[in-house]
Amino acid sequence: MPFSLAAIDPVAFSLGPIHVRWYGILIATGIILAFLVVQREAVKRGLHPDFMTDMLIWAVPISIIGARIYYVVFEWELYKEHPAKIFKIWEGGLAIHGALIAAIITAVVFTRKRGVSFWKVADITAPGLLIGQILGRWGNFVNQEAHGGPVSDKFLENNIIPDWIMNQMTINGVTYHPTFLYESLWNVVGLLLILLVLRRLNPRRGSIFLFYLAWYSFGRFFIEGMRTDSLMYFGLKAAQLVSIASILAAAALYMVRRFVLRDETHYKD
């Protein structure tokens, strides 16, 4: 099927030698929207208005570093030959699992120092994590990355994939599965479930964050199986291994908090 639209330029605009990319704009937009949603809920749940701002100042740069370290570790064969490229994050190479691990560690340390329940903060921030991931995947779309294997135009047309998405996923004459779209939509559903269902049910503290962790990991496991650019670990896809570990960890932590610690504190308490 011929396409008349040109592929989207990854560079949104340039200021002299500085090129501002859509990927960065979308990531920044995701952080801002996530912060606004989380900040509003944090104040409603009794946290100091500056709490989330202070945590964000630490979490964002540390998460970016974590995302880069994770990627470099799994692509070490490339970077050990070109160590200078480790610092060139504008060339790509950020892994969401690395960012998530770094963000969780940062939140654990930060909440402990402030004397606030980590689980309370984790529940509040869970929707923000999904918002950031939803918009971040559209950055992958513009960059024509994080896609799946070849697929027929007919298949995408039958699944009501718009022409402009098909066009961007057509690279050198080959159309690929828009796995970025599948993951983005999966996260949208998870976000709506948290905002419209879980919060209203007022579950035990920690349940919303653990739901997020299991929900995202479950979808990521299957979507990762379709991707062609996965980081590998001993011949296996690293993201799938981390997803399985995350689901098991979420289930184990829920059981421990529910039946061992018997924490009766609820989200709105």
C-alpha atoms as a PDB file:
ATOM      1  CA  MET A   1       0.000   0.000   0.000  1.00  0.00           C
ATOM      2  CA  PRO A   2       1.614   3.343  -0.961  1.00  0.00           C
ATOM      3  CA  PHE A   3       1.844   6.133   1.580  1.00  0.00           C
ATOM      4  CA  SER A   4       1.837   9.786   0.628  1.00  0.00           C
ATOM      5  CA  LEU A   5       2.908  11.124   4.027  1.00  0.00           C
ATOM      6  CA  ALA A   6       6.580  11.675   4.772  1.00  0.00           C
ATOM      7  CA  ALA A   7       8.129  10.068   7.854  1.00  0.00           C
ATOM      8  CA  ILE A   8       8.140  12.306  10.915  1.00  0.00           C
ATOM      9  CA  ASP A   9      11.472  14.051  11.455  1.00  0.00           C
ATOM     10  CA  PRO A  10      12.856  13.087  14.913  1.00  0.00           C
ATOM     11  CA  VAL A  11      14.154  16.651  15.260  1.00  0.00           C
ATOM     12  CA  ALA A  12      11.331  19.008  16.262  1.00  0.00           C
ATOM     13  CA  PHE A  13      13.363  22.170  15.745  1.00  0.00           C
ATOM     14  CA  SER A  14      16.923  23.454  15.879  1.00  0.00           C
ATOM     15  CA  LEU A  15      18.503  26.371  17.695  1.00  0.00           C
ATOM     16  CA  GLY A  16      21.766  26.802  15.850  1.00  0.00           C
ATOM     17  CA  PRO A  17      23.857  23.676  16.540  1.00  0.00           C
ATOM     18  CA  ILE A  18      21.360  22.444  19.156  1.00  0.00           C
ATOM     19  CA  HIS A  19      18.763  19.989  17.854  1.00  0.00           C
ATOM     20  CA  VAL A  20      15.655  19.553  19.998  1.00  0.00           C
ATOM     21  CA  ARG A  21      14.146  16.120  19.377  1.00  0.00           C
ATOM     22  CA  TRP A  22      10.549  15.017  19.695  1.00  0.00           C
ATOM     23  CA  TYR A  23      11.713  12.187  21.947  1.00  0.00           C
ATOM     24  CA  GLY A  24      13.013  14.650  24.528  1.00  0.00           C
ATOM     25  CA  ILE A  25       9.922  16.840  24.223  1.00  0.00           C
ATOM     26  CA  LEU A  26       7.609  13.877  24.811  1.00  0.00           C
ATOM     27  CA  ILE A  27       9.657  12.620  27.767  1.00  0.00           C
ATOM     28  CA  ALA A  28       9.635  16.095  29.328  1.00  0.00           C
ATOM     29  CA  THR A  29       5.899  16.448  28.703  1.00  0.00           C
ATOM     30  CA  GLY A  30       5.311  13.074  30.337  1.00  0.00           C
ATOM     31  CA  ILE A  31       7.283  14.125  33.423  1.00  0.00           C
ATOM     32  CA  ILE A  32       5.344  17.397  33.714  1.00  0.00           C
ATOM     33  CA  LEU A  33       1.915  15.775  33.300  1.00  0.00           C
ATOM     34  CA  ALA A  34       2.836  12.978  35.689  1.00  0.00           C
ATOM     35  CA  PHE A  35       4.005  15.485  38.281  1.00  0.00           C
ATOM     36  CA  LEU A  36       0.794  17.528  38.043  1.00  0.00           C
ATOM     37  CA  VAL A  37      -1.374  14.435  38.544  1.00  0.00           C
ATOM     38  CA  VAL A  38       0.771  13.051  41.361  1.00  0.00           C
ATOM     39  CA  GLN A  39       1.179  16.410  43.119  1.00  0.00           C
ATOM     40  CA  ARG A  40      -2.568  16.965  43.269  1.00  0.00           C
ATOM     41  CA  GLU A  41      -3.148  13.535  44.779  1.00  0.00           C
ATOM     42  CA  ALA A  42      -0.207  13.850  47.178  1.00  0.00           C
ATOM     43  CA  VAL A  43      -1.589  17.045  48.729  1.00  0.00           C
ATOM     44  CA  LYS A  44      -5.026  15.443  48.954  1.00  0.00           C
ATOM     45  CA  ARG A  45      -3.477  12.504  50.805  1.00  0.00           C
ATOM     46  CA  GLY A  46      -1.845  14.809  53.335  1.00  0.00           C
ATOM     47  CA  LEU A  47       1.728  15.144  52.062  1.00  0.00           C
ATOM     48  CA  HIS A  48       3.514  18.486  52.209  1.00  0.00           C
ATOM     49  CA  PRO A  49       3.127  20.461  48.945  1.00  0.00           C
ATOM     50  CA  ASP A  50       6.913  20.456  48.461  1.00  0.00           C
ATOM     51  CA  PHE A  51       7.361  16.728  49.086  1.00  0.00           C
ATOM     52  CA  MET A  52       6.887  15.536  45.509  1.00  0.00           C
ATOM     53  CA  THR A  53       8.902  18.418  44.078  1.00  0.00           C
ATOM     54  CA  ASP A  54      11.828  17.579  46.326  1.00  0.00           C
ATOM     55  CA  MET A  55      11.652  13.892  45.441  1.00  0.00           C
ATOM     56  CA  LEU A  56      11.363  14.656  41.715  1.00  0.00           C
ATOM     57  CA  ILE A  57      14.566  16.721  41.819  1.00  0.00           C
ATOM     58  CA  TRP A  58      16.400  13.571  42.877  1.00  0.00           C
ATOM     59  CA  ALA A  59      14.378  10.927  41.057  1.00  0.00           C
ATOM     60  CA  VAL A  60      14.493  12.311  37.503  1.00  0.00           C
ATOM     61  CA  PRO A  61      18.288  12.569  37.030  1.00  0.00           C
ATOM     62  CA  ILE A  62      18.929   9.354  38.959  1.00  0.00           C
ATOM     63  CA  SER A  63      16.345   7.534  36.825  1.00  0.00           C
ATOM     64  CA  ILE A  64      17.992   8.764  33.625  1.00  0.00           C
ATOM     65  CA  ILE A  65      21.360   7.544  34.915  1.00  0.00           C
ATOM     66  CA  GLY A  66      19.798   4.218  35.890  1.00  0.00           C
ATOM     67  CA  ALA A  67      18.179   3.843  32.469  1.00  0.00           C
ATOM     68  CA  ARG A  68      21.529   4.467  30.794  1.00  0.00           C
ATOM     69  CA  ILE A  69      23.517   2.142  33.066  1.00  0.00           C
ATOM     70  CA  TYR A  70      21.009  -0.659  32.484  1.00  0.00           C
ATOM     71  CA  TYR A  71      21.285  -0.251  28.709  1.00  0.00           C
ATOM     72  CA  VAL A  72      25.070  -0.014  28.703  1.00  0.00           C
ATOM     73  CA  VAL A  73      25.439  -3.133  30.873  1.00  0.00           C
ATOM     74  CA  PHE A  74      23.443  -5.238  28.427  1.00  0.00           C
ATOM     75  CA  GLU A  75      25.221  -3.702  25.415  1.00  0.00           C
ATOM     76  CA  TRP A  76      28.685  -3.795  26.955  1.00  0.00           C
ATOM     77  CA  GLU A  77      30.253  -5.543  23.960  1.00  0.00           C
ATOM     78  CA  LEU A  78      29.554  -2.381  21.970  1.00  0.00           C
ATOM     79  CA  TYR A  79      30.462   0.198  24.605  1.00  0.00           C
ATOM     80  CA  LYS A  80      33.678  -1.399  25.777  1.00  0.00           C
ATOM     81  CA  GLU A  81      35.064  -0.733  22.300  1.00  0.00           C
ATOM     82  CA  HIS A  82      33.710   2.831  22.272  1.00  0.00           C
ATOM     83  CA  PRO A  83      33.611   4.008  25.924  1.00  0.00           C
ATOM     84  CA  ALA A  84      33.071   7.653  24.918  1.00  0.00           C
ATOM     85  CA  LYS A  85      29.645   6.673  23.549  1.00  0.00           C
ATOM     86  CA  ILE A  86      28.478   5.766  27.053  1.00  0.00           C
ATOM     87  CA  PHE A  87      27.793   9.419  27.753  1.00  0.00           C
ATOM     88  CA  LYS A  88      26.081  10.174  24.423  1.00  0.00           C
ATOM     89  CA  ILE A  89      22.513   9.514  25.546  1.00  0.00           C
ATOM     90  CA  TRP A  90      21.205  11.744  22.749  1.00  0.00           C
ATOM     91  CA  GLU A  91      22.135   8.929  20.370  1.00  0.00           C
ATOM     92  CA  GLY A  92      19.625   6.652  22.094  1.00  0.00           C
ATOM     93  CA  GLY A  93      19.955   3.886  24.628  1.00  0.00           C
ATOM     94  CA  LEU A  94      17.702   4.365  27.670  1.00  0.00           C
ATOM     95  CA  ALA A  95      15.925   1.370  29.205  1.00  0.00           C
ATOM     96  CA  ILE A  96      12.677   1.848  31.138  1.00  0.00           C
ATOM     97  CA  HIS A  97      13.466  -1.014  33.514  1.00  0.00           C
ATOM     98  CA  GLY A  98      16.711   0.680  34.518  1.00  0.00           C
ATOM     99  CA  ALA A  99      14.844   3.937  35.129  1.00  0.00           C
ATOM    100  CA  LEU A 100      12.173   2.150  37.167  1.00  0.00           C
ATOM    101  CA  ILE A 101      14.688   0.336  39.366  1.00  0.00           C
ATOM    102  CA  ALA A 102      16.577   3.579  40.002  1.00  0.00           C
ATOM    103  CA  ALA A 103      13.334   5.462  40.751  1.00  0.00           C
ATOM    104  CA  ILE A 104      12.207   2.844  43.283  1.00  0.00           C
ATOM    105  CA  ILE A 105      15.566   2.890  45.076  1.00  0.00           C
ATOM    106  CA  THR A 106      15.495   6.696  45.148  1.00  0.00           C
ATOM    107  CA  ALA A 107      11.953   6.702  46.555  1.00  0.00           C
ATOM    108  CA  VAL A 108      12.837   4.160  49.252  1.00  0.00           C
ATOM    109  CA  VAL A 109      15.801   6.227  50.446  1.00  0.00           C
ATOM    110  CA  PHE A 110      13.985   9.559  50.149  1.00  0.00           C
ATOM    111  CA  THR A 111      10.847   8.463  52.015  1.00  0.00           C
ATOM    112  CA  ARG A 112      12.905   6.872  54.778  1.00  0.00           C
ATOM    113  CA  LYS A 113      14.847  10.099  55.297  1.00  0.00           C
ATOM    114  CA  ARG A 114      11.598  12.106  55.360  1.00  0.00           C
ATOM    115  CA  GLY A 115       9.846   9.669  57.676  1.00  0.00           C
ATOM    116  CA  VAL A 116       7.024   8.979  55.207  1.00  0.00           C
ATOM    117  CA  SER A 117       5.648   5.566  54.240  1.00  0.00           C
ATOM    118  CA  PHE A 118       7.234   4.362  51.004  1.00  0.00           C
ATOM    119  CA  TRP A 119       4.081   2.412  50.160  1.00  0.00           C
ATOM    120  CA  LYS A 120       1.916   5.483  50.562  1.00  0.00           C
ATOM    121  CA  VAL A 121       4.128   7.454  48.181  1.00  0.00           C
ATOM    122  CA  ALA A 122       4.406   4.504  45.767  1.00  0.00           C
ATOM    123  CA  ASP A 123       0.615   4.220  45.527  1.00  0.00           C
ATOM    124  CA  ILE A 124       0.295   7.939  44.838  1.00  0.00           C
ATOM    125  CA  THR A 125       2.989   7.949  42.154  1.00  0.00           C
ATOM    126  CA  ALA A 126       1.873   4.800  40.298  1.00  0.00           C
ATOM    127  CA  PRO A 127      -0.398   6.701  37.853  1.00  0.00           C
ATOM    128  CA  GLY A 128       2.447   9.137  37.164  1.00  0.00           C
ATOM    129  CA  LEU A 129       4.745   6.282  36.186  1.00  0.00           C
ATOM    130  CA  LEU A 130       2.188   5.068  33.668  1.00  0.00           C
ATOM    131  CA  ILE A 131       1.684   8.563  32.244  1.00  0.00           C
ATOM    132  CA  GLY A 132       5.422   8.899  31.683  1.00  0.00           C
ATOM    133  CA  GLN A 133       5.620   5.493  30.008  1.00  0.00           C
ATOM    134  CA  ILE A 134       2.608   6.198  27.792  1.00  0.00           C
ATOM    135  CA  LEU A 135       4.128   9.365  26.345  1.00  0.00           C
ATOM    136  CA  GLY A 136       7.645   7.949  26.272  1.00  0.00           C
ATOM    137  CA  ARG A 137       6.573   5.212  23.875  1.00  0.00           C
ATOM    138  CA  TRP A 138       5.419   7.863  21.415  1.00  0.00           C
ATOM    139  CA  GLY A 139       8.972   9.150  21.455  1.00  0.00           C
ATOM    140  CA  ASN A 140       9.989   5.680  20.254  1.00  0.00           C
ATOM    141  CA  PHE A 141       7.379   6.007  17.514  1.00  0.00           C
ATOM    142  CA  VAL A 142       8.936   9.214  16.200  1.00  0.00           C
ATOM    143  CA  ASN A 143      12.393   7.626  16.329  1.00  0.00           C
ATOM    144  CA  GLN A 144      11.093   4.549  14.470  1.00  0.00           C
ATOM    145  CA  GLU A 145      12.388   2.249  17.207  1.00  0.00           C
ATOM    146  CA  ALA A 146      11.044  -0.245  19.743  1.00  0.00           C
ATOM    147  CA  HIS A 147       8.968  -1.843  16.988  1.00  0.00           C
ATOM    148  CA  GLY A 148       8.185  -5.474  16.291  1.00  0.00           C
ATOM    149  CA  GLY A 149       8.931  -7.694  13.341  1.00  0.00           C
ATOM    150  CA  PRO A 150       7.646  -7.272   9.774  1.00  0.00           C
ATOM    151  CA  VAL A 151       3.882  -7.329   9.312  1.00  0.00           C
ATOM    152  CA  SER A 152       1.572  -6.942   6.345  1.00  0.00           C
ATOM    153  CA  ASP A 153      -0.252  -3.683   5.731  1.00  0.00           C
ATOM    154  CA  LYS A 154      -3.462  -5.710   5.482  1.00  0.00           C
ATOM    155  CA  PHE A 155      -3.046  -6.980   9.035  1.00  0.00           C
ATOM    156  CA  LEU A 156      -2.669  -3.464  10.410  1.00  0.00           C
ATOM    157  CA  GLU A 157      -5.537  -2.140   8.305  1.00  0.00           C
ATOM    158  CA  ASN A 158      -7.802  -4.918   9.601  1.00  0.00           C
ATOM    159  CA  ASN A 159      -6.891  -3.869  13.147  1.00  0.00           C
ATOM    160  CA  ILE A 160      -7.774  -0.228  12.416  1.00  0.00           C
ATOM    161  CA  ILE A 161      -4.210   1.098  12.664  1.00  0.00           C
ATOM    162  CA  PRO A 162      -4.227   4.649  11.187  1.00  0.00           C
ATOM    163  CA  ASP A 163      -2.279   5.345   8.017  1.00  0.00           C
ATOM    164  CA  TRP A 164       0.007   7.870   9.720  1.00  0.00           C
ATOM    165  CA  ILE A 165       1.148   5.221  12.192  1.00  0.00           C
ATOM    166  CA  MET A 166       1.624   2.657   9.438  1.00  0.00           C
ATOM    167  CA  ASN A 167       3.623   5.213   7.489  1.00  0.00           C
ATOM    168  CA  GLN A 168       6.017   5.879  10.370  1.00  0.00           C
ATOM    169  CA  MET A 169       6.393   2.148  10.954  1.00  0.00           C
ATOM    170  CA  THR A 170       7.339   1.598   7.308  1.00  0.00           C
ATOM    171  CA  ILE A 171      11.129   1.641   7.221  1.00  0.00           C
ATOM    172  CA  ASN A 172      13.055   1.050   3.980  1.00  0.00           C
ATOM    173  CA  GLY A 173       9.891  -0.291   2.393  1.00  0.00           C
ATOM    174  CA  VAL A 174       9.109  -2.778   5.188  1.00  0.00           C
ATOM    175  CA  THR A 175       6.192  -2.269   7.606  1.00  0.00           C
ATOM    176  CA  TYR A 176       6.736  -3.341  11.217  1.00  0.00           C
ATOM    177  CA  HIS A 177       4.481  -4.119  14.166  1.00  0.00           C
ATOM    178  CA  PRO A 178       3.840  -0.852  16.090  1.00  0.00           C
ATOM    179  CA  THR A 179       4.659  -2.444  19.434  1.00  0.00           C
ATOM    180  CA  PHE A 180       5.136   1.026  20.904  1.00  0.00           C
ATOM    181  CA  LEU A 181       1.396   1.529  20.300  1.00  0.00           C
ATOM    182  CA  TYR A 182       0.434  -1.776  21.891  1.00  0.00           C
ATOM    183  CA  GLU A 183       2.392  -0.966  25.040  1.00  0.00           C
ATOM    184  CA  SER A 184       1.107   2.602  25.172  1.00  0.00           C
ATOM    185  CA  LEU A 185      -2.522   1.444  24.946  1.00  0.00           C
ATOM    186  CA  TRP A 186      -1.912  -1.293  27.529  1.00  0.00           C
ATOM    187  CA  ASN A 187      -0.621   1.366  29.908  1.00  0.00           C
ATOM    188  CA  VAL A 188      -3.632   3.598  29.201  1.00  0.00           C
ATOM    189  CA  VAL A 189      -5.929   0.774  30.313  1.00  0.00           C
ATOM    190  CA  GLY A 190      -3.835   0.267  33.458  1.00  0.00           C
ATOM    191  CA  LEU A 191      -3.983   3.994  34.205  1.00  0.00           C
ATOM    192  CA  LEU A 192      -7.769   4.069  33.878  1.00  0.00           C
ATOM    193  CA  LEU A 193      -8.125   1.024  36.130  1.00  0.00           C
ATOM    194  CA  ILE A 194      -6.092   2.743  38.848  1.00  0.00           C
ATOM    195  CA  LEU A 195      -7.835   6.102  38.582  1.00  0.00           C
ATOM    196  CA  LEU A 196     -11.405   4.886  38.096  1.00  0.00           C
ATOM    197  CA  VAL A 197     -11.474   1.581  39.975  1.00  0.00           C
ATOM    198  CA  LEU A 198      -8.655   0.891  42.427  1.00  0.00           C
ATOM    199  CA  ARG A 199      -8.569   4.299  44.071  1.00  0.00           C
ATOM    200  CA  ARG A 200     -12.323   4.186  44.638  1.00  0.00           C
ATOM    201  CA  LEU A 201     -12.068   0.724  46.155  1.00  0.00           C
ATOM    202  CA  ASN A 202      -9.576   2.128  48.714  1.00  0.00           C
ATOM    203  CA  PRO A 203      -7.361  -1.005  48.821  1.00  0.00           C
ATOM    204  CA  ARG A 204      -4.681  -1.769  51.390  1.00  0.00           C
ATOM    205  CA  ARG A 205      -1.666   0.486  51.194  1.00  0.00           C
ATOM    206  CA  GLY A 206       0.834  -0.710  48.582  1.00  0.00           C
ATOM    207  CA  SER A 207      -1.766  -2.537  46.494  1.00  0.00           C
ATOM    208  CA  ILE A 208      -2.015   0.144  43.806  1.00  0.00           C
ATOM    209  CA  PHE A 209       1.734   0.255  43.209  1.00  0.00           C
ATOM    210  CA  LEU A 210       1.993  -3.535  43.184  1.00  0.00           C
ATOM    211  CA  PHE A 211      -0.908  -3.674  40.723  1.00  0.00           C
ATOM    212  CA  TYR A 212       0.952  -1.217  38.493  1.00  0.00           C
ATOM    213  CA  LEU A 213       4.117  -3.308  38.679  1.00  0.00           C
ATOM    214  CA  ALA A 214       2.303  -6.543  37.809  1.00  0.00           C
ATOM    215  CA  TRP A 215       0.078  -4.962  35.138  1.00  0.00           C
ATOM    216  CA  TYR A 216       2.901  -3.261  33.275  1.00  0.00           C
ATOM    217  CA  SER A 217       5.163  -6.320  33.536  1.00  0.00           C
ATOM    218  CA  PHE A 218       2.467  -8.704  32.286  1.00  0.00           C
ATOM    219  CA  GLY A 219       1.841  -6.640  29.171  1.00  0.00           C
ATOM    220  CA  ARG A 220       5.528  -5.920  28.615  1.00  0.00           C
ATOM    221  CA  PHE A 221       6.368  -9.638  28.684  1.00  0.00           C
ATOM    222  CA  PHE A 222       4.164 -10.420  25.688  1.00  0.00           C
ATOM    223  CA  ILE A 223       4.883  -7.203  23.786  1.00  0.00           C
ATOM    224  CA  GLU A 224       8.628  -7.696  24.260  1.00  0.00           C
ATOM    225  CA  GLY A 225       8.281 -11.080  22.586  1.00  0.00           C
ATOM    226  CA  MET A 226       7.289  -9.262  19.391  1.00  0.00           C
ATOM    227  CA  ARG A 227      10.160  -6.746  19.412  1.00  0.00           C
ATOM    228  CA  THR A 228      13.293  -7.061  17.314  1.00  0.00           C
ATOM    229  CA  ASP A 229      15.612  -4.724  19.254  1.00  0.00           C
ATOM    230  CA  SER A 230      15.545  -6.378  22.678  1.00  0.00           C
ATOM    231  CA  LEU A 231      18.473  -6.332  25.079  1.00  0.00           C
ATOM    232  CA  MET A 232      19.617  -9.922  25.572  1.00  0.00           C
ATOM    233  CA  TYR A 233      20.919 -11.862  28.567  1.00  0.00           C
ATOM    234  CA  PHE A 234      22.462 -15.259  27.834  1.00  0.00           C
ATOM    235  CA  GLY A 235      20.292 -15.621  24.763  1.00  0.00           C
ATOM    236  CA  LEU A 236      17.099 -14.554  26.534  1.00  0.00           C
ATOM    237  CA  LYS A 237      15.299 -11.219  26.344  1.00  0.00           C
ATOM    238  CA  ALA A 238      16.272  -9.221  29.400  1.00  0.00           C
ATOM    239  CA  ALA A 239      12.977  -7.322  29.571  1.00  0.00           C
ATOM    240  CA  GLN A 240      11.012 -10.573  29.659  1.00  0.00           C
ATOM    241  CA  LEU A 241      13.158 -11.915  32.495  1.00  0.00           C
ATOM    242  CA  VAL A 242      12.749  -8.674  34.454  1.00  0.00           C
ATOM    243  CA  SER A 243       9.002  -8.730  33.762  1.00  0.00           C
ATOM    244  CA  ILE A 244       8.651 -12.240  35.181  1.00  0.00           C
ATOM    245  CA  ALA A 245      10.730 -11.271  38.215  1.00  0.00           C
ATOM    246  CA  SER A 246       8.596  -8.146  38.718  1.00  0.00           C
ATOM    247  CA  ILE A 247       5.323 -10.086  38.606  1.00  0.00           C
ATOM    248  CA  LEU A 248       6.624 -12.632  41.112  1.00  0.00           C
ATOM    249  CA  ALA A 249       7.968  -9.859  43.355  1.00  0.00           C
ATOM    250  CA  ALA A 250       4.658  -7.969  43.226  1.00  0.00           C
ATOM    251  CA  ALA A 251       2.713 -11.115  44.156  1.00  0.00           C
ATOM    252  CA  ALA A 252       5.136 -12.033  46.951  1.00  0.00           C
ATOM    253  CA  LEU A 253       5.143  -8.527  48.436  1.00  0.00           C
ATOM    254  CA  TYR A 254       1.348  -8.389  48.373  1.00  0.00           C
ATOM    255  CA  MET A 255       1.098 -11.743  50.166  1.00  0.00           C
ATOM    256  CA  VAL A 256       3.675 -10.754  52.782  1.00  0.00           C
ATOM    257  CA  ARG A 257       1.996  -7.416  53.490  1.00  0.00           C
ATOM    258  CA  ARG A 258      -1.464  -8.992  53.534  1.00  0.00           C
ATOM    259  CA  PHE A 259      -0.898 -12.219  55.479  1.00  0.00           C
ATOM    260  CA  VAL A 260       2.434 -11.877  57.295  1.00  0.00           C
ATOM    261  CA  LEU A 261       2.668  -8.213  58.256  1.00  0.00           C
ATOM    262  CA  ARG A 262      -1.133  -7.926  58.264  1.00  0.00           C
ATOM    263  CA  ASP A 263      -0.945  -4.247  57.378  1.00  0.00           C
ATOM    264  CA  GLU A 264      -4.501  -2.939  57.663  1.00  0.00           C
ATOM    265  CA  THR A 265      -3.652   0.596  56.526  1.00  0.00           C
ATOM    266  CA  HIS A 266      -5.621   1.560  53.442  1.00  0.00           C
ATOM    267  CA  TYR A 267      -4.855   3.931  50.603  1.00  0.00           C
ATOM    268  CA  LYS A 268      -7.065   6.765  51.865  1.00  0.00           C
ATOM    269  CA  ASP A 269      -6.060   6.430  55.525  1.00  0.00           C
END
